[in-house]
Amino acid sequence: MSSSSTTVTTEVATNSKVRVLFASLVGTTIEFFDFYIYATAAVLIFPHLFFPESSGSAAILQSLATFAIAFIARPIGAAIFGHLGDRIGRKATLVAALLTMGISTVCIGLLPTYAQIGIVAPLLLALCRLGQGLGLGGEWSGAVLLATENAPEGKRAWYGMFPQLGAPIGFILATGSFLLLTAFMSEQAFMTWGWRIPFVASSILVLVGLYIRLTLHETPAFQKVLNKQKEVNVPFKEVMTKHFPMLVLGTIAAICTFVVFYLTTVFALTWGTTQLGYTRSEFLELQLVATLCFAGFIPLSAIFAEKFGRKNTSIAVCVLSALFGLCFAPLLGSGSPILVFLFLCMGLSIMGLTYGPIGTVLSEIFPISVRYTGSALTFNLAGIFGASFAPYIATKLAESYGLGAVGLYLSVASILSLIAFLLIRETKNDDVNNQI
């Protein structure tokens, strides 16, 4: 036992703070870069190249349907990678999830189009999107656990914020890459082959992420589970039978995070370029600058979560999000560059505030032995209800009832999350990394 303890201590010492935080950050950066380039392409490119037989709005809706596939696949990926993460460890599972996600993304960049192989093209696109979703299902929660399970007491929300920073960084890289390609090549070249570059280039980020993660050791918290041989045989069953209330509450609590983000990005981009008369570059530039608000408010949310608690911080942000829903028609609907930019800044600031603590919240409500599975399932189930069809639903609501209905959609989602946070216990002072 003494020898085992010495070995564990040595391994943990090699996991420097900088390496842990960078490893958690780089993984989610890759995750969101991959996801955003698909989201952008689903609005601007895929309707023309993979669904050309449909009319303009129908093609966009079909393309957004493939966007939703990944969210449906994510809980399946969460169950698969969650099982591995709670059985064999966080490190090996994170490597497998990153490879699954990365290979699928590169394959999208190599696909033939509808004009080349007909109906098989959108089917292959859907298959690659399914692979992306499976990998994404295990990536996010593993990155959060890598950070929070290596965090010193009193710093879990701060450490848990670093994986979340990958979202705005990935968004900036994805949007920036499309803007650069649009600026330096003709529209014909971009639509023919230029759009493929970000998908194929993501392989570079994947290789960097793999290198960093392969140099890490297991998290101290899960190492305790291994040392005491407390691994759960079937983590999914354990979560469903013993932690089901937390699974439901965590899922509902995270819905607001997804809805506010995808309405402010994917739906707003669709509406801005089809109904408001903005060019692709003009609206992407507005979103790119507004993303700085997203990045800036994530660390601020972690400070609030450490000082006032995860629960109080999240409840306050849900109230802000519900009120923001009232701004859709007067701000986004105005078409004014200043008011549209204000709309984007407000939405992405709220996104930063809600997104920063959510990883810490969802990891702390489950014990270590099923934490990977539990946090992965809650986050990815919330993705189905809050994001998978959010752009689709918002587009139909806007076309039928106007932008005010889209704002009401966000307000209702925010109130649902608020109720869930009221029922979740505060975990700020819990010794969660010793709860096996």
Protein backbone atom coordinates (compact mmCIF):
# COMPACT_ATOMS: atom_id res chain seq x y z
CA MET A 1 0.00 0.00 0.00
CA SER A 2 2.87 2.34 0.87
CA SER A 3 4.55 1.63 -2.46
CA SER A 4 1.29 2.24 -4.31
CA SER A 5 0.79 5.59 -2.59
CA THR A 6 4.31 6.67 -3.47
CA THR A 7 3.76 5.82 -7.12
CA VAL A 8 0.51 7.78 -7.27
CA THR A 9 2.11 10.83 -5.66
CA THR A 10 4.94 10.76 -8.18
CA GLU A 11 2.56 10.58 -11.12
CA VAL A 12 0.35 13.38 -9.86
CA ALA A 13 3.40 15.61 -9.35
CA THR A 14 4.25 15.34 -13.05
CA ASN A 15 0.83 16.76 -13.99
CA SER A 16 1.79 20.41 -13.74
CA LYS A 17 -0.99 22.99 -13.50
CA VAL A 18 -0.02 24.55 -16.81
CA ARG A 19 -0.03 21.22 -18.62
CA VAL A 20 -3.38 20.16 -17.15
CA LEU A 21 -5.09 23.45 -17.97
CA PHE A 22 -3.62 23.58 -21.47
CA ALA A 23 -4.61 19.96 -22.15
CA SER A 24 -8.20 20.66 -21.09
CA LEU A 25 -8.29 23.91 -23.07
CA VAL A 26 -6.83 22.55 -26.31
CA GLY A 27 -9.31 19.67 -26.44
CA THR A 28 -12.40 21.83 -26.17
CA THR A 29 -10.87 24.35 -28.58
CA ILE A 30 -10.62 21.56 -31.16
CA GLU A 31 -14.11 20.38 -30.27
CA PHE A 32 -15.71 23.75 -30.79
CA PHE A 33 -13.60 24.62 -33.82
CA ASP A 34 -14.87 21.44 -35.47
CA PHE A 35 -18.41 22.12 -34.39
CA TYR A 36 -18.50 25.76 -35.49
CA ILE A 37 -17.02 25.17 -38.91
CA TYR A 38 -19.80 22.65 -39.44
CA ALA A 39 -22.45 25.04 -38.09
CA THR A 40 -21.22 27.83 -40.37
CA ALA A 41 -21.00 25.53 -43.37
CA ALA A 42 -24.47 24.13 -42.62
CA VAL A 43 -25.89 27.63 -43.12
CA LEU A 44 -23.69 29.00 -45.89
CA ILE A 45 -22.33 26.09 -47.94
CA PHE A 46 -23.97 22.69 -47.49
CA PRO A 47 -27.45 23.80 -48.69
CA HIS A 48 -25.92 24.57 -52.10
CA LEU A 49 -23.48 21.64 -52.38
CA PHE A 50 -25.33 18.77 -50.69
CA PHE A 51 -29.02 19.72 -51.04
CA PRO A 52 -29.20 21.60 -54.38
CA GLU A 53 -32.43 19.92 -55.49
CA SER A 54 -34.45 21.73 -52.80
CA SER A 55 -35.59 25.36 -52.72
CA GLY A 56 -33.58 27.94 -50.75
CA SER A 57 -35.34 27.72 -47.38
CA ALA A 58 -35.96 23.96 -47.69
CA ALA A 59 -32.27 23.34 -48.44
CA ILE A 60 -31.25 25.33 -45.35
CA LEU A 61 -33.70 23.38 -43.19
CA GLN A 62 -32.39 20.06 -44.54
CA SER A 63 -28.83 21.18 -43.89
CA LEU A 64 -29.74 22.21 -40.34
CA ALA A 65 -31.26 18.76 -39.88
CA THR A 66 -27.82 17.20 -40.46
CA PHE A 67 -26.50 19.72 -37.95
CA ALA A 68 -28.93 18.20 -35.43
CA ILE A 69 -27.66 14.64 -35.98
CA ALA A 70 -24.57 15.21 -33.86
CA PHE A 71 -26.65 16.29 -30.90
CA ILE A 72 -28.68 13.09 -31.13
CA ALA A 73 -25.45 11.06 -31.33
CA ARG A 74 -23.82 12.87 -28.41
CA PRO A 75 -25.70 11.06 -25.60
CA ILE A 76 -24.73 7.75 -27.25
CA GLY A 77 -21.12 8.93 -27.29
CA ALA A 78 -21.55 10.09 -23.70
CA ALA A 79 -22.67 6.60 -22.65
CA ILE A 80 -19.83 4.89 -24.56
CA PHE A 81 -16.99 7.20 -23.57
CA GLY A 82 -18.49 7.78 -20.11
CA HIS A 83 -18.35 4.03 -19.51
CA LEU A 84 -14.70 3.94 -20.58
CA GLY A 85 -13.86 7.06 -18.57
CA ASP A 86 -15.36 5.63 -15.39
CA ARG A 87 -13.88 2.16 -15.95
CA ILE A 88 -10.38 2.61 -17.38
CA GLY A 89 -9.68 6.30 -16.70
CA ARG A 90 -9.99 9.84 -17.99
CA LYS A 91 -6.74 10.02 -19.98
CA ALA A 92 -7.20 7.06 -22.37
CA THR A 93 -10.84 7.96 -22.94
CA LEU A 94 -10.02 11.56 -23.81
CA VAL A 95 -7.53 10.38 -26.42
CA ALA A 96 -10.11 8.04 -27.99
CA ALA A 97 -12.82 10.74 -28.04
CA LEU A 98 -10.48 13.25 -29.66
CA LEU A 99 -9.52 10.80 -32.41
CA THR A 100 -13.16 9.91 -33.14
CA MET A 101 -14.11 13.55 -33.40
CA GLY A 102 -11.03 14.60 -35.37
CA ILE A 103 -11.16 11.87 -38.01
CA SER A 104 -14.85 12.54 -38.66
CA THR A 105 -14.19 16.26 -39.16
CA VAL A 106 -11.34 15.69 -41.62
CA CYS A 107 -13.51 13.26 -43.60
CA ILE A 108 -16.18 15.97 -44.03
CA GLY A 109 -13.56 18.10 -45.77
CA LEU A 110 -12.85 15.27 -48.21
CA LEU A 111 -16.45 14.38 -49.14
CA PRO A 112 -17.67 14.51 -52.76
CA THR A 113 -20.69 16.74 -53.31
CA TYR A 114 -24.22 16.03 -54.60
CA ALA A 115 -23.15 17.05 -58.10
CA GLN A 116 -20.48 14.32 -58.04
CA ILE A 117 -22.23 11.32 -56.46
CA GLY A 118 -25.86 12.35 -56.03
CA ILE A 119 -27.91 11.32 -52.99
CA VAL A 120 -24.97 9.41 -51.48
CA ALA A 121 -23.26 12.75 -50.71
CA PRO A 122 -25.74 13.99 -48.08
CA LEU A 123 -25.87 10.47 -46.61
CA LEU A 124 -22.09 10.46 -46.16
CA LEU A 125 -22.29 13.95 -44.70
CA ALA A 126 -24.82 12.69 -42.16
CA LEU A 127 -22.59 9.71 -41.33
CA CYS A 128 -19.57 11.95 -40.70
CA ARG A 129 -21.74 14.23 -38.61
CA LEU A 130 -22.77 11.19 -36.59
CA GLY A 131 -19.09 10.40 -35.95
CA GLN A 132 -18.49 13.98 -34.86
CA GLY A 133 -21.35 13.70 -32.40
CA LEU A 134 -20.11 10.44 -30.90
CA GLY A 135 -16.66 11.93 -30.27
CA LEU A 136 -18.10 15.16 -28.93
CA GLY A 137 -20.20 13.15 -26.51
CA GLY A 138 -17.09 12.08 -24.64
CA GLU A 139 -14.78 15.04 -25.20
CA TRP A 140 -16.35 17.89 -23.24
CA SER A 141 -17.00 16.10 -19.94
CA GLY A 142 -13.56 14.47 -20.00
CA ALA A 143 -11.86 17.84 -20.48
CA VAL A 144 -13.86 19.34 -17.60
CA LEU A 145 -12.96 16.43 -15.30
CA LEU A 146 -9.31 16.70 -16.30
CA ALA A 147 -9.37 20.25 -15.00
CA THR A 148 -11.64 20.00 -11.95
CA GLU A 149 -10.21 16.71 -10.65
CA ASN A 150 -6.73 18.22 -10.71
CA ALA A 151 -7.89 21.46 -9.06
CA PRO A 152 -6.91 22.45 -5.50
CA GLU A 153 -9.74 23.03 -3.03
CA GLY A 154 -11.47 26.35 -3.54
CA LYS A 155 -10.35 26.58 -7.19
CA ARG A 156 -12.58 24.01 -8.89
CA ALA A 157 -14.79 26.58 -10.64
CA TRP A 158 -11.71 28.50 -11.77
CA TYR A 159 -10.03 25.36 -13.16
CA GLY A 160 -13.34 24.19 -14.65
CA MET A 161 -13.53 27.46 -16.54
CA PHE A 162 -10.47 26.69 -18.70
CA PRO A 163 -12.11 23.99 -20.84
CA GLN A 164 -15.00 26.41 -21.37
CA LEU A 165 -12.62 28.99 -22.82
CA GLY A 166 -12.11 26.59 -25.70
CA ALA A 167 -15.59 27.53 -26.95
CA PRO A 168 -14.88 31.19 -27.83
CA ILE A 169 -11.36 30.36 -29.00
CA GLY A 170 -12.72 27.64 -31.28
CA PHE A 171 -15.43 30.00 -32.51
CA ILE A 172 -12.89 32.73 -33.29
CA LEU A 173 -10.65 30.26 -35.16
CA ALA A 174 -13.57 28.83 -37.11
CA THR A 175 -15.16 32.16 -38.03
CA GLY A 176 -11.76 33.73 -38.70
CA SER A 177 -10.81 30.92 -41.07
CA PHE A 178 -13.98 31.39 -43.15
CA LEU A 179 -13.46 35.15 -43.23
CA LEU A 180 -9.85 34.78 -44.40
CA LEU A 181 -10.80 32.29 -47.09
CA THR A 182 -13.61 34.55 -48.30
CA ALA A 183 -11.25 37.52 -48.42
CA PHE A 184 -8.44 35.83 -50.34
CA MET A 185 -10.27 33.69 -52.89
CA SER A 186 -13.13 34.08 -55.32
CA GLU A 187 -16.64 32.96 -54.45
CA GLN A 188 -16.39 30.18 -57.03
CA ALA A 189 -13.10 28.88 -55.63
CA PHE A 190 -14.44 29.05 -52.09
CA MET A 191 -17.59 27.10 -52.93
CA THR A 192 -15.64 24.60 -55.05
CA TRP A 193 -12.79 23.69 -52.71
CA GLY A 194 -11.93 26.53 -50.30
CA TRP A 195 -14.59 25.56 -47.74
CA ARG A 196 -12.78 22.23 -47.29
CA ILE A 197 -9.61 23.80 -45.88
CA PRO A 198 -10.82 24.39 -42.27
CA PHE A 199 -12.10 20.79 -42.00
CA VAL A 200 -8.85 19.26 -43.24
CA ALA A 201 -6.68 21.73 -41.31
CA SER A 202 -8.34 20.66 -38.05
CA SER A 203 -6.05 17.61 -38.22
CA ILE A 204 -3.19 19.87 -37.09
CA LEU A 205 -5.07 20.82 -33.93
CA VAL A 206 -5.92 17.17 -33.29
CA LEU A 207 -2.26 16.16 -33.44
CA VAL A 208 -1.33 18.91 -30.97
CA GLY A 209 -4.12 17.82 -28.64
CA LEU A 210 -3.06 14.18 -28.80
CA TYR A 211 0.55 15.01 -28.01
CA ILE A 212 -0.39 17.06 -24.94
CA ARG A 213 -2.84 14.51 -23.58
CA LEU A 214 -0.54 11.53 -24.06
CA THR A 215 1.98 13.19 -21.72
CA LEU A 216 -0.50 13.36 -18.81
CA HIS A 217 -1.19 10.92 -15.99
CA GLU A 218 -4.55 9.95 -14.51
CA THR A 219 -6.41 12.55 -12.42
CA PRO A 220 -5.82 12.30 -8.63
CA ALA A 221 -9.54 11.89 -7.95
CA PHE A 222 -10.01 8.92 -10.27
CA GLN A 223 -6.72 7.42 -9.12
CA LYS A 224 -8.35 7.06 -5.69
CA VAL A 225 -11.13 5.03 -7.30
CA LEU A 226 -8.54 2.78 -8.98
CA ASN A 227 -6.50 2.38 -5.78
CA LYS A 228 -9.58 1.37 -3.77
CA GLN A 229 -10.91 -0.77 -6.66
CA LYS A 230 -14.22 1.08 -6.52
CA GLU A 231 -14.85 1.15 -10.27
CA VAL A 232 -18.53 0.69 -11.13
CA ASN A 233 -19.24 -2.24 -13.43
CA VAL A 234 -21.89 -0.47 -15.51
CA PRO A 235 -21.70 3.31 -14.89
CA PHE A 236 -24.69 4.04 -17.13
CA LYS A 237 -26.92 1.72 -15.09
CA GLU A 238 -25.62 3.26 -11.86
CA VAL A 239 -26.45 6.77 -13.05
CA MET A 240 -29.92 5.78 -14.26
CA THR A 241 -30.85 3.89 -11.09
CA LYS A 242 -29.15 5.85 -8.29
CA HIS A 243 -28.62 9.35 -9.70
CA PHE A 244 -31.57 9.78 -12.05
CA PRO A 245 -32.97 12.92 -10.31
CA MET A 246 -29.60 14.67 -10.72
CA LEU A 247 -29.45 13.52 -14.34
CA VAL A 248 -32.82 15.13 -15.06
CA LEU A 249 -32.12 18.34 -13.13
CA GLY A 250 -28.66 18.72 -14.66
CA THR A 251 -30.06 18.25 -18.16
CA ILE A 252 -32.76 20.90 -17.67
CA ALA A 253 -30.27 23.26 -15.98
CA ALA A 254 -27.97 23.18 -19.04
CA ILE A 255 -30.72 23.77 -21.63
CA CYS A 256 -30.51 27.58 -21.31
CA THR A 257 -26.78 27.45 -22.14
CA PHE A 258 -27.42 25.71 -25.45
CA VAL A 259 -30.47 27.70 -26.52
CA VAL A 260 -28.95 31.14 -25.93
CA PHE A 261 -25.77 30.22 -27.79
CA TYR A 262 -27.26 28.61 -30.88
CA LEU A 263 -29.89 31.30 -31.27
CA THR A 264 -27.23 34.01 -31.02
CA THR A 265 -24.89 32.30 -33.48
CA VAL A 266 -26.41 29.81 -35.94
CA PHE A 267 -29.95 31.21 -36.07
CA ALA A 268 -28.77 34.84 -36.05
CA LEU A 269 -26.34 34.08 -38.90
CA THR A 270 -29.13 32.45 -40.90
CA TRP A 271 -31.53 35.34 -40.28
CA GLY A 272 -28.94 38.02 -40.88
CA THR A 273 -27.80 36.64 -44.24
CA THR A 274 -31.25 35.68 -45.55
CA GLN A 275 -33.67 38.25 -44.10
CA LEU A 276 -31.63 41.29 -43.10
CA GLY A 277 -29.52 41.63 -46.23
CA TYR A 278 -26.08 41.13 -44.65
CA THR A 279 -23.39 39.40 -46.66
CA ARG A 280 -21.70 36.35 -45.18
CA SER A 281 -18.54 38.31 -44.39
CA GLU A 282 -20.37 41.26 -42.82
CA PHE A 283 -22.32 39.15 -40.35
CA LEU A 284 -19.40 36.86 -39.52
CA GLU A 285 -17.30 39.93 -38.73
CA LEU A 286 -19.96 41.17 -36.29
CA GLN A 287 -20.11 37.74 -34.64
CA LEU A 288 -16.34 37.46 -34.48
CA VAL A 289 -15.93 40.72 -32.55
CA ALA A 290 -18.90 39.93 -30.29
CA THR A 291 -17.27 36.61 -29.40
CA LEU A 292 -14.72 38.60 -27.38
CA CYS A 293 -17.59 39.29 -24.95
CA PHE A 294 -18.18 35.55 -24.75
CA ALA A 295 -14.52 34.94 -23.90
CA GLY A 296 -14.33 37.83 -21.43
CA PHE A 297 -17.34 36.82 -19.37
CA ILE A 298 -16.30 33.17 -18.87
CA PRO A 299 -13.52 33.99 -16.34
CA LEU A 300 -15.84 36.51 -14.68
CA SER A 301 -18.47 33.79 -14.21
CA ALA A 302 -15.87 31.53 -12.56
CA ILE A 303 -15.01 34.30 -10.09
CA PHE A 304 -18.70 34.73 -9.27
CA ALA A 305 -19.15 30.95 -8.89
CA GLU A 306 -16.24 30.73 -6.43
CA LYS A 307 -17.43 33.73 -4.42
CA PHE A 308 -21.24 33.45 -4.46
CA GLY A 309 -21.67 29.78 -5.30
CA ARG A 310 -22.45 27.89 -8.49
CA LYS A 311 -26.19 27.85 -7.79
CA ASN A 312 -26.70 31.56 -7.06
CA THR A 313 -24.57 32.59 -10.02
CA SER A 314 -26.44 30.33 -12.43
CA ILE A 315 -29.87 31.43 -11.19
CA ALA A 316 -28.98 35.09 -11.73
CA VAL A 317 -27.77 34.38 -15.27
CA CYS A 318 -30.97 32.48 -16.13
CA VAL A 319 -32.93 35.59 -15.14
CA LEU A 320 -30.73 37.71 -17.43
CA SER A 321 -31.21 35.25 -20.26
CA ALA A 322 -35.01 35.28 -19.88
CA LEU A 323 -34.99 39.09 -20.07
CA PHE A 324 -32.67 38.99 -23.08
CA GLY A 325 -35.36 37.02 -24.92
CA LEU A 326 -37.41 40.22 -25.03
CA CYS A 327 -34.65 41.90 -27.08
CA PHE A 328 -34.85 39.70 -30.18
CA ALA A 329 -37.44 41.70 -32.10
CA PRO A 330 -36.28 45.26 -31.23
CA LEU A 331 -32.54 44.56 -31.64
CA LEU A 332 -32.01 41.77 -34.16
CA GLY A 333 -35.18 42.65 -36.04
CA SER A 334 -34.06 46.26 -36.51
CA GLY A 335 -31.42 45.29 -39.07
CA SER A 336 -29.30 48.22 -37.85
CA PRO A 337 -25.58 47.26 -37.67
CA ILE A 338 -25.24 48.95 -34.26
CA LEU A 339 -28.32 47.31 -32.75
CA VAL A 340 -27.55 43.92 -34.29
CA PHE A 341 -24.02 44.13 -32.92
CA LEU A 342 -25.42 45.08 -29.50
CA PHE A 343 -27.73 42.07 -29.72
CA LEU A 344 -24.79 39.75 -30.45
CA CYS A 345 -22.68 41.24 -27.65
CA MET A 346 -25.50 40.89 -25.12
CA GLY A 347 -26.29 37.32 -26.13
CA LEU A 348 -22.68 36.14 -26.12
CA SER A 349 -21.96 37.90 -22.81
CA ILE A 350 -24.85 36.00 -21.24
CA MET A 351 -23.53 32.86 -22.88
CA GLY A 352 -20.16 33.40 -21.21
CA LEU A 353 -21.83 33.83 -17.82
CA THR A 354 -23.95 30.70 -18.13
CA TYR A 355 -21.30 28.55 -19.82
CA GLY A 356 -18.41 29.27 -17.45
CA PRO A 357 -19.79 27.44 -14.36
CA ILE A 358 -21.89 24.76 -16.08
CA GLY A 359 -19.03 22.26 -16.38
CA THR A 360 -18.23 22.56 -12.68
CA VAL A 361 -21.92 22.26 -11.74
CA LEU A 362 -22.53 19.12 -13.81
CA SER A 363 -19.35 17.40 -12.60
CA GLU A 364 -19.88 18.18 -8.90
CA ILE A 365 -23.40 16.72 -8.63
CA PHE A 366 -22.08 13.18 -9.32
CA PRO A 367 -19.61 11.03 -7.31
CA ILE A 368 -16.20 10.29 -8.84
CA SER A 369 -17.01 6.68 -9.79
CA VAL A 370 -19.77 7.72 -12.24
CA ARG A 371 -18.82 11.35 -12.80
CA TYR A 372 -17.67 10.96 -16.40
CA THR A 373 -20.89 9.19 -17.42
CA GLY A 374 -23.17 11.43 -15.36
CA SER A 375 -21.75 14.78 -16.48
CA ALA A 376 -21.46 13.63 -20.11
CA LEU A 377 -25.06 12.43 -20.23
CA THR A 378 -26.51 15.57 -18.63
CA PHE A 379 -24.60 17.93 -20.90
CA ASN A 380 -25.32 16.01 -24.08
CA LEU A 381 -28.97 15.34 -23.32
CA ALA A 382 -29.28 19.09 -22.78
CA GLY A 383 -27.73 19.45 -26.22
CA ILE A 384 -30.59 17.46 -27.74
CA PHE A 385 -33.31 19.48 -26.04
CA GLY A 386 -31.55 22.84 -26.12
CA ALA A 387 -29.47 22.90 -29.29
CA SER A 388 -30.05 20.13 -31.81
CA PHE A 389 -33.22 21.63 -33.26
CA ALA A 390 -32.89 25.14 -31.83
CA PRO A 391 -31.88 26.80 -35.15
CA TYR A 392 -34.59 24.80 -36.97
CA ILE A 393 -37.33 25.64 -34.43
CA ALA A 394 -36.26 29.29 -34.30
CA THR A 395 -36.33 29.57 -38.10
CA LYS A 396 -39.86 28.12 -38.25
CA LEU A 397 -41.04 30.37 -35.39
CA ALA A 398 -39.56 33.47 -37.01
CA GLU A 399 -41.11 32.68 -40.39
CA SER A 400 -44.54 31.98 -38.86
CA TYR A 401 -44.78 34.40 -35.93
CA GLY A 402 -41.82 36.80 -36.12
CA LEU A 403 -38.68 37.30 -34.07
CA GLY A 404 -40.65 37.98 -30.89
CA ALA A 405 -41.63 34.30 -30.82
CA VAL A 406 -37.97 33.30 -31.04
CA GLY A 407 -37.20 35.51 -28.04
CA LEU A 408 -40.09 33.94 -26.13
CA TYR A 409 -38.62 30.51 -26.95
CA LEU A 410 -35.37 31.58 -25.24
CA SER A 411 -37.21 33.05 -22.24
CA VAL A 412 -39.14 29.82 -21.64
CA ALA A 413 -35.92 27.75 -21.87
CA SER A 414 -34.22 30.10 -19.41
CA ILE A 415 -37.06 29.82 -16.90
CA LEU A 416 -36.95 26.01 -17.11
CA SER A 417 -33.22 26.07 -16.34
CA LEU A 418 -33.80 28.52 -13.50
CA ILE A 419 -36.28 26.10 -11.87
CA ALA A 420 -33.76 23.26 -12.18
CA PHE A 421 -31.00 25.31 -10.53
CA LEU A 422 -33.35 26.11 -7.65
CA LEU A 423 -33.67 22.36 -7.02
CA ILE A 424 -29.96 21.49 -7.38
CA ARG A 425 -27.89 21.62 -4.20
CA GLU A 426 -25.01 24.06 -3.81
CA THR A 427 -21.68 22.20 -4.15
CA LYS A 428 -19.23 25.07 -3.60
CA ASN A 429 -18.10 23.82 -0.16
CA ASP A 430 -18.46 20.07 -0.82
CA ASP A 431 -15.35 17.86 -0.81
CA VAL A 432 -16.45 16.38 -4.14
CA ASN A 433 -13.06 14.90 -5.11
CA ASN A 434 -13.27 12.51 -2.16
CA GLN A 435 -16.85 11.39 -2.86
CA ILE A 436 -16.34 7.95 -4.42
